[in-house]
PDB file of N, CA and C in Angstrom:
ATOM      1  N   MET A   1      36.530   8.951 -23.350  1.00  0.00           N
ATOM      2  CA  MET A   1      35.145   9.004 -23.698  1.00  0.00           C
ATOM      3  C   MET A   1      34.416   7.839 -23.090  1.00  0.00           C
ATOM      4  N   THR A   2      35.060   6.677 -22.909  1.00  0.00           N
ATOM      5  CA  THR A   2      34.435   5.471 -22.336  1.00  0.00           C
ATOM      6  C   THR A   2      34.159   5.782 -20.869  1.00  0.00           C
ATOM      7  N   ALA A   3      34.954   6.379 -20.175  1.00  0.00           N
ATOM      8  CA  ALA A   3      34.784   6.651 -18.712  1.00  0.00           C
ATOM      9  C   ALA A   3      33.601   7.581 -18.566  1.00  0.00           C
ATOM     10  N   GLU A   4      33.414   8.517 -19.427  1.00  0.00           N
ATOM     11  CA  GLU A   4      32.344   9.442 -19.332  1.00  0.00           C
ATOM     12  C   GLU A   4      30.967   8.675 -19.575  1.00  0.00           C
ATOM     13  N   VAL A   5      30.978   7.822 -20.499  1.00  0.00           N
ATOM     14  CA  VAL A   5      29.792   7.014 -20.802  1.00  0.00           C
ATOM     15  C   VAL A   5      29.415   6.072 -19.628  1.00  0.00           C
ATOM     16  N   ASP A   6      30.504   5.463 -18.991  1.00  0.00           N
ATOM     17  CA  ASP A   6      30.320   4.597 -17.912  1.00  0.00           C
ATOM     18  C   ASP A   6      29.700   5.366 -16.711  1.00  0.00           C
ATOM     19  N   VAL A   7      30.164   6.583 -16.513  1.00  0.00           N
ATOM     20  CA  VAL A   7      29.599   7.463 -15.424  1.00  0.00           C
ATOM     21  C   VAL A   7      28.146   7.846 -15.660  1.00  0.00           C
ATOM     22  N   ALA A   8      27.865   8.090 -16.875  1.00  0.00           N
ATOM     23  CA  ALA A   8      26.471   8.426 -17.306  1.00  0.00           C
ATOM     24  C   ALA A   8      25.554   7.287 -17.173  1.00  0.00           C
ATOM     25  N   VAL A   9      26.065   6.130 -17.556  1.00  0.00           N
ATOM     26  CA  VAL A   9      25.212   4.809 -17.394  1.00  0.00           C
ATOM     27  C   VAL A   9      25.039   4.561 -15.964  1.00  0.00           C
ATOM     28  N   GLU A  10      26.028   4.684 -15.152  1.00  0.00           N
ATOM     29  CA  GLU A  10      25.942   4.383 -13.692  1.00  0.00           C
ATOM     30  C   GLU A  10      24.981   5.451 -13.086  1.00  0.00           C
ATOM     31  N   ALA A  11      25.001   6.652 -13.372  1.00  0.00           N
ATOM     32  CA  ALA A  11      24.118   7.686 -12.907  1.00  0.00           C
ATOM     33  C   ALA A  11      22.687   7.330 -13.262  1.00  0.00           C
ATOM     34  N   LEU A  12      22.416   6.971 -14.481  1.00  0.00           N
ATOM     35  CA  LEU A  12      21.132   6.641 -14.926  1.00  0.00           C
ATOM     36  C   LEU A  12      20.612   5.414 -14.180  1.00  0.00           C
ATOM     37  N   LEU A  13      21.492   4.448 -14.053  1.00  0.00           N
ATOM     38  CA  LEU A  13      21.059   3.195 -13.268  1.00  0.00           C
ATOM     39  C   LEU A  13      20.709   3.560 -11.775  1.00  0.00           C
ATOM     40  N   PHE A  14      21.520   4.451 -11.277  1.00  0.00           N
ATOM     41  CA  PHE A  14      21.210   4.923  -9.876  1.00  0.00           C
ATOM     42  C   PHE A  14      19.916   5.616  -9.836  1.00  0.00           C
ATOM     43  N   LEU A  15      19.536   6.417 -10.744  1.00  0.00           N
ATOM     44  CA  LEU A  15      18.290   7.177 -10.773  1.00  0.00           C
ATOM     45  C   LEU A  15      17.161   6.221 -10.980  1.00  0.00           C
ATOM     46  N   VAL A  16      17.324   5.223 -11.823  1.00  0.00           N
ATOM     47  CA  VAL A  16      16.269   4.169 -11.984  1.00  0.00           C
ATOM     48  C   VAL A  16      16.057   3.409 -10.701  1.00  0.00           C
ATOM     49  N   ASP A  17      17.142   2.974 -10.123  1.00  0.00           N
ATOM     50  CA  ASP A  17      17.003   2.256  -8.850  1.00  0.00           C
ATOM     51  C   ASP A  17      16.336   3.096  -7.756  1.00  0.00           C
ATOM     52  N   ALA A  18      16.684   4.340  -7.699  1.00  0.00           N
ATOM     53  CA  ALA A  18      16.096   5.215  -6.695  1.00  0.00           C
ATOM     54  C   ALA A  18      14.629   5.449  -6.934  1.00  0.00           C
ATOM     55  N   ALA A  19      14.273   5.517  -8.182  1.00  0.00           N
ATOM     56  CA  ALA A  19      12.822   5.644  -8.526  1.00  0.00           C
ATOM     57  C   ALA A  19      12.013   4.352  -8.215  1.00  0.00           C
ATOM     58  N   LEU A  20      12.590   3.243  -8.400  1.00  0.00           N
ATOM     59  CA  LEU A  20      11.939   1.988  -8.042  1.00  0.00           C
ATOM     60  C   LEU A  20      11.753   1.874  -6.560  1.00  0.00           C
ATOM     61  N   VAL A  21      12.769   2.171  -5.846  1.00  0.00           N
ATOM     62  CA  VAL A  21      12.696   2.064  -4.382  1.00  0.00           C
ATOM     63  C   VAL A  21      11.716   3.109  -3.864  1.00  0.00           C
ATOM     64  N   ALA A  22      11.710   4.304  -4.417  1.00  0.00           N
ATOM     65  CA  ALA A  22      10.754   5.375  -4.027  1.00  0.00           C
ATOM     66  C   ALA A  22       9.302   4.928  -4.279  1.00  0.00           C
ATOM     67  N   GLY A  23       9.067   4.207  -5.437  1.00  0.00           N
ATOM     68  CA  GLY A  23       7.753   3.686  -5.741  1.00  0.00           C
ATOM     69  C   GLY A  23       7.310   2.688  -4.723  1.00  0.00           C
ATOM     70  N   LEU A  24       8.179   1.696  -4.328  1.00  0.00           N
ATOM     71  CA  LEU A  24       7.912   0.747  -3.335  1.00  0.00           C
ATOM     72  C   LEU A  24       7.599   1.404  -1.992  1.00  0.00           C
ATOM     73  N   ALA A  25       8.443   2.417  -1.659  1.00  0.00           N
ATOM     74  CA  ALA A  25       8.290   3.104  -0.329  1.00  0.00           C
ATOM     75  C   ALA A  25       6.838   3.813  -0.320  1.00  0.00           C
ATOM     76  N   CYS A  26       6.517   4.469  -1.373  1.00  0.00           N
ATOM     77  CA  CYS A  26       5.165   5.086  -1.526  1.00  0.00           C
ATOM     78  C   CYS A  26       4.045   4.054  -1.352  1.00  0.00           C
ATOM     79  N   TRP A  27       4.215   2.918  -1.962  1.00  0.00           N
ATOM     80  CA  TRP A  27       3.182   1.853  -1.845  1.00  0.00           C
ATOM     81  C   TRP A  27       3.048   1.415  -0.425  1.00  0.00           C
ATOM     82  N   MET A  28       4.175   1.206   0.279  1.00  0.00           N
ATOM     83  CA  MET A  28       4.207   0.789   1.658  1.00  0.00           C
ATOM     84  C   MET A  28       3.593   1.838   2.540  1.00  0.00           C
ATOM     85  N   ILE A  29       3.845   3.072   2.284  1.00  0.00           N
ATOM     86  CA  ILE A  29       3.193   4.249   3.015  1.00  0.00           C
ATOM     87  C   ILE A  29       1.741   4.207   2.875  1.00  0.00           C
ATOM     88  N   VAL A  30       1.225   3.945   1.726  1.00  0.00           N
ATOM     89  CA  VAL A  30      -0.229   3.885   1.447  1.00  0.00           C
ATOM     90  C   VAL A  30      -0.770   2.718   2.237  1.00  0.00           C
ATOM     91  N   ALA A  31      -0.097   1.509   2.218  1.00  0.00           N
ATOM     92  CA  ALA A  31      -0.610   0.334   2.906  1.00  0.00           C
ATOM     93  C   ALA A  31      -0.685   0.627   4.366  1.00  0.00           C
ATOM     94  N   VAL A  32       0.417   1.223   4.985  1.00  0.00           N
ATOM     95  CA  VAL A  32       0.358   1.486   6.429  1.00  0.00           C
ATOM     96  C   VAL A  32      -0.731   2.479   6.754  1.00  0.00           C
ATOM     97  N   ALA A  33      -0.883   3.450   5.941  1.00  0.00           N
ATOM     98  CA  ALA A  33      -1.930   4.437   6.203  1.00  0.00           C
ATOM     99  C   ALA A  33      -3.320   3.817   6.128  1.00  0.00           C
ATOM    100  N   ASP A  34      -3.565   2.980   5.196  1.00  0.00           N
ATOM    101  CA  ASP A  34      -4.822   2.237   5.119  1.00  0.00           C
ATOM    102  C   ASP A  34      -5.119   1.332   6.320  1.00  0.00           C
ATOM    103  N   ASN A  35      -4.011   0.633   6.790  1.00  0.00           N
ATOM    104  CA  ASN A  35      -4.114  -0.213   7.928  1.00  0.00           C
ATOM    105  C   ASN A  35      -4.385   0.572   9.180  1.00  0.00           C
ATOM    106  N   TRP A  36      -3.832   1.772   9.256  1.00  0.00           N
ATOM    107  CA  TRP A  36      -4.027   2.639  10.369  1.00  0.00           C
ATOM    108  C   TRP A  36      -5.480   3.237  10.392  1.00  0.00           C
ATOM    109  N   ARG A  37      -5.955   3.594   9.249  1.00  0.00           N
ATOM    110  CA  ARG A  37      -7.307   4.231   9.122  1.00  0.00           C
ATOM    111  C   ARG A  37      -8.390   3.216   9.273  1.00  0.00           C
ATOM    112  N   HIS A  38      -8.167   1.955   8.732  1.00  0.00           N
ATOM    113  CA  HIS A  38      -9.152   0.920   8.645  1.00  0.00           C
ATOM    114  C   HIS A  38      -8.698  -0.333   9.329  1.00  0.00           C
ATOM    115  N   PRO A  39      -8.419  -0.322  10.612  1.00  0.00           N
ATOM    116  CA  PRO A  39      -7.810  -1.526  11.283  1.00  0.00           C
ATOM    117  C   PRO A  39      -8.763  -2.728  11.197  1.00  0.00           C
ATOM    118  N   ARG A  40     -10.055  -2.602  11.278  1.00  0.00           N
ATOM    119  CA  ARG A  40     -11.019  -3.703  11.282  1.00  0.00           C
ATOM    120  C   ARG A  40     -10.818  -4.506   9.971  1.00  0.00           C
ATOM    121  N   MET A  41     -10.669  -3.781   8.863  1.00  0.00           N
ATOM    122  CA  MET A  41     -10.536  -4.417   7.584  1.00  0.00           C
ATOM    123  C   MET A  41      -9.312  -5.309   7.615  1.00  0.00           C
ATOM    124  N   ASN A  42      -8.167  -4.803   8.090  1.00  0.00           N
ATOM    125  CA  ASN A  42      -6.921  -5.554   8.148  1.00  0.00           C
ATOM    126  C   ASN A  42      -7.166  -6.741   9.134  1.00  0.00           C
ATOM    127  N   GLU A  43      -7.764  -6.540  10.263  1.00  0.00           N
ATOM    128  CA  GLU A  43      -7.945  -7.693  11.194  1.00  0.00           C
ATOM    129  C   GLU A  43      -8.757  -8.773  10.553  1.00  0.00           C
ATOM    130  N   ASP A  44      -9.791  -8.446   9.829  1.00  0.00           N
ATOM    131  CA  ASP A  44     -10.668  -9.457   9.138  1.00  0.00           C
ATOM    132  C   ASP A  44      -9.857 -10.201   8.081  1.00  0.00           C
ATOM    133  N   GLY A  45      -9.017  -9.485   7.348  1.00  0.00           N
ATOM    134  CA  GLY A  45      -8.189 -10.127   6.309  1.00  0.00           C
ATOM    135  C   GLY A  45      -7.162 -11.104   6.913  1.00  0.00           C
ATOM    136  N   VAL A  46      -6.475 -10.627   7.920  1.00  0.00           N
ATOM    137  CA  VAL A  46      -5.513 -11.580   8.695  1.00  0.00           C
ATOM    138  C   VAL A  46      -6.184 -12.706   9.289  1.00  0.00           C
ATOM    139  N   ALA A  47      -7.317 -12.514   9.909  1.00  0.00           N
ATOM    140  CA  ALA A  47      -8.064 -13.640  10.572  1.00  0.00           C
ATOM    141  C   ALA A  47      -8.488 -14.716   9.520  1.00  0.00           C
ATOM    142  N   MET A  48      -8.921 -14.169   8.379  1.00  0.00           N
ATOM    143  CA  MET A  48      -9.326 -15.141   7.285  1.00  0.00           C
ATOM    144  C   MET A  48      -8.135 -15.985   6.839  1.00  0.00           C
ATOM    145  N   VAL A  49      -6.923 -15.391   6.741  1.00  0.00           N
ATOM    146  CA  VAL A  49      -5.738 -16.071   6.354  1.00  0.00           C
ATOM    147  C   VAL A  49      -5.352 -17.081   7.389  1.00  0.00           C
ATOM    148  N   VAL A  50      -5.343 -16.692   8.653  1.00  0.00           N
ATOM    149  CA  VAL A  50      -4.783 -17.543   9.696  1.00  0.00           C
ATOM    150  C   VAL A  50      -5.835 -18.657   9.920  1.00  0.00           C
ATOM    151  N   ARG A  51      -7.101 -18.444   9.830  1.00  0.00           N
ATOM    152  CA  ARG A  51      -8.103 -19.564   9.936  1.00  0.00           C
ATOM    153  C   ARG A  51      -8.117 -20.451   8.748  1.00  0.00           C
ATOM    154  N   LEU A  52      -7.539 -20.090   7.680  1.00  0.00           N
ATOM    155  CA  LEU A  52      -7.457 -20.882   6.381  1.00  0.00           C
ATOM    156  C   LEU A  52      -8.795 -21.038   5.812  1.00  0.00           C
ATOM    157  N   ASP A  53      -9.600 -19.985   5.810  1.00  0.00           N
ATOM    158  CA  ASP A  53     -11.052 -20.019   5.295  1.00  0.00           C
ATOM    159  C   ASP A  53     -11.084 -20.466   3.865  1.00  0.00           C
ATOM    160  N   ASP A  54     -10.151 -19.914   3.010  1.00  0.00           N
ATOM    161  CA  ASP A  54     -10.198 -20.245   1.504  1.00  0.00           C
ATOM    162  C   ASP A  54      -9.830 -21.710   1.384  1.00  0.00           C
ATOM    163  N   LEU A  55      -8.862 -22.178   2.087  1.00  0.00           N
ATOM    164  CA  LEU A  55      -8.422 -23.619   1.986  1.00  0.00           C
ATOM    165  C   LEU A  55      -9.600 -24.559   2.406  1.00  0.00           C
ATOM    166  N   ALA A  56     -10.297 -24.147   3.487  1.00  0.00           N
ATOM    167  CA  ALA A  56     -11.394 -24.991   3.855  1.00  0.00           C
ATOM    168  C   ALA A  56     -12.511 -25.013   2.938  1.00  0.00           C
ATOM    169  N   ARG A  57     -12.761 -23.866   2.255  1.00  0.00           N
ATOM    170  CA  ARG A  57     -13.797 -23.806   1.264  1.00  0.00           C
ATOM    171  C   ARG A  57     -13.436 -24.461  -0.098  1.00  0.00           C
ATOM    172  N   ASP A  58     -12.243 -24.193  -0.532  1.00  0.00           N
ATOM    173  CA  ASP A  58     -11.916 -24.690  -1.895  1.00  0.00           C
ATOM    174  C   ASP A  58     -11.301 -26.061  -1.891  1.00  0.00           C
ATOM    175  N   TYR A  59     -10.657 -26.524  -0.808  1.00  0.00           N
ATOM    176  CA  TYR A  59     -10.002 -27.809  -0.774  1.00  0.00           C
ATOM    177  C   TYR A  59     -10.353 -28.497   0.566  1.00  0.00           C
ATOM    178  N   PRO A  60     -11.521 -28.918   0.749  1.00  0.00           N
ATOM    179  CA  PRO A  60     -11.981 -29.470   2.036  1.00  0.00           C
ATOM    180  C   PRO A  60     -11.156 -30.682   2.488  1.00  0.00           C
ATOM    181  N   GLU A  61     -10.775 -31.524   1.457  1.00  0.00           N
ATOM    182  CA  GLU A  61     -10.001 -32.776   1.754  1.00  0.00           C
ATOM    183  C   GLU A  61      -8.593 -32.401   2.365  1.00  0.00           C
ATOM    184  N   ASP A  62      -8.035 -31.478   1.773  1.00  0.00           N
ATOM    185  CA  ASP A  62      -6.648 -30.981   2.248  1.00  0.00           C
ATOM    186  C   ASP A  62      -6.842 -30.294   3.598  1.00  0.00           C
ATOM    187  N   TYR A  63      -7.864 -29.537   3.782  1.00  0.00           N
ATOM    188  CA  TYR A  63      -8.061 -28.859   5.031  1.00  0.00           C
ATOM    189  C   TYR A  63      -8.297 -29.785   6.224  1.00  0.00           C
ATOM    190  N   LYS A  64      -8.931 -30.932   5.924  1.00  0.00           N
ATOM    191  CA  LYS A  64      -9.150 -31.956   7.000  1.00  0.00           C
ATOM    192  C   LYS A  64      -7.840 -32.499   7.467  1.00  0.00           C
ATOM    193  N   MET A  65      -6.878 -32.574   6.678  1.00  0.00           N
ATOM    194  CA  MET A  65      -5.581 -33.088   7.037  1.00  0.00           C
ATOM    195  C   MET A  65      -4.794 -32.194   8.056  1.00  0.00           C
ATOM    196  N   ILE A  66      -5.116 -30.847   8.002  1.00  0.00           N
ATOM    197  CA  ILE A  66      -4.375 -29.958   8.856  1.00  0.00           C
ATOM    198  C   ILE A  66      -5.322 -29.200   9.883  1.00  0.00           C
ATOM    199  N   ALA A  67      -6.551 -29.520   9.811  1.00  0.00           N
ATOM    200  CA  ALA A  67      -7.503 -28.756  10.723  1.00  0.00           C
ATOM    201  C   ALA A  67      -7.172 -28.949  12.207  1.00  0.00           C
ATOM    202  N   HIS A  68      -6.529 -29.986  12.548  1.00  0.00           N
ATOM    203  CA  HIS A  68      -6.222 -30.388  13.974  1.00  0.00           C
ATOM    204  C   HIS A  68      -5.019 -29.492  14.526  1.00  0.00           C
ATOM    205  N   ARG A  69      -4.332 -28.839  13.643  1.00  0.00           N
ATOM    206  CA  ARG A  69      -3.160 -28.043  14.042  1.00  0.00           C
ATOM    207  C   ARG A  69      -3.602 -26.764  14.822  1.00  0.00           C
ATOM    208  N   PRO A  70      -2.945 -26.386  15.890  1.00  0.00           N
ATOM    209  CA  PRO A  70      -3.269 -25.139  16.559  1.00  0.00           C
ATOM    210  C   PRO A  70      -2.935 -23.881  15.673  1.00  0.00           C
ATOM    211  N   SER A  71      -3.639 -22.880  15.823  1.00  0.00           N
ATOM    212  CA  SER A  71      -3.426 -21.651  15.159  1.00  0.00           C
ATOM    213  C   SER A  71      -2.060 -21.034  15.628  1.00  0.00           C
ATOM    214  N   PRO A  72      -1.297 -20.443  14.688  1.00  0.00           N
ATOM    215  CA  PRO A  72      -0.011 -19.859  15.160  1.00  0.00           C
ATOM    216  C   PRO A  72      -0.221 -18.535  15.945  1.00  0.00           C
ATOM    217  N   ILE A  73      -1.480 -18.006  15.803  1.00  0.00           N
ATOM    218  CA  ILE A  73      -1.808 -16.806  16.538  1.00  0.00           C
ATOM    219  C   ILE A  73      -2.831 -17.139  17.595  1.00  0.00           C
ATOM    220  N   ALA A  74      -2.725 -16.696  18.694  1.00  0.00           N
ATOM    221  CA  ALA A  74      -3.644 -16.981  19.770  1.00  0.00           C
ATOM    222  C   ALA A  74      -5.102 -16.568  19.398  1.00  0.00           C
ATOM    223  N   ALA A  75      -6.048 -17.369  19.653  1.00  0.00           N
ATOM    224  CA  ALA A  75      -7.436 -17.082  19.333  1.00  0.00           C
ATOM    225  C   ALA A  75      -7.876 -15.750  19.921  1.00  0.00           C
ATOM    226  N   SER A  76      -7.322 -15.288  20.992  1.00  0.00           N
ATOM    227  CA  SER A  76      -7.771 -14.085  21.615  1.00  0.00           C
ATOM    228  C   SER A  76      -7.403 -12.844  20.757  1.00  0.00           C
ATOM    229  N   THR A  77      -6.476 -13.019  19.909  1.00  0.00           N
ATOM    230  CA  THR A  77      -5.996 -11.829  19.119  1.00  0.00           C
ATOM    231  C   THR A  77      -6.759 -11.647  17.816  1.00  0.00           C
ATOM    232  N   ILE A  78      -7.626 -12.646  17.537  1.00  0.00           N
ATOM    233  CA  ILE A  78      -8.368 -12.686  16.250  1.00  0.00           C
ATOM    234  C   ILE A  78      -9.825 -12.756  16.448  1.00  0.00           C
ATOM    235  N   ARG A  79     -10.564 -11.885  15.866  1.00  0.00           N
ATOM    236  CA  ARG A  79     -12.017 -11.956  16.015  1.00  0.00           C
ATOM    237  C   ARG A  79     -12.552 -12.929  15.019  1.00  0.00           C
ATOM    238  N   PRO A  80     -13.521 -13.822  15.413  1.00  0.00           N
ATOM    239  CA  PRO A  80     -14.046 -14.874  14.477  1.00  0.00           C
ATOM    240  C   PRO A  80     -14.974 -14.213  13.514  1.00  0.00           C
TER     241      PRO A  80
END
């Protein structure tokens, strides 16, 4: 009887794991589709992160300490 319970528990855990992975896969598919359909929106968001806009706005003292560093992404790939 114990072996049958172990198999049932393992099967249940496998189904739960599969459902969780499928949920993440669906979420990633939606994200890729949105980036494909609205590339400008994605470019603006990435550019904002790379330029550290929020850091410059919210923590100007900290931003001054790192403002001299070059961007990790070439300026030609990001629209200002």
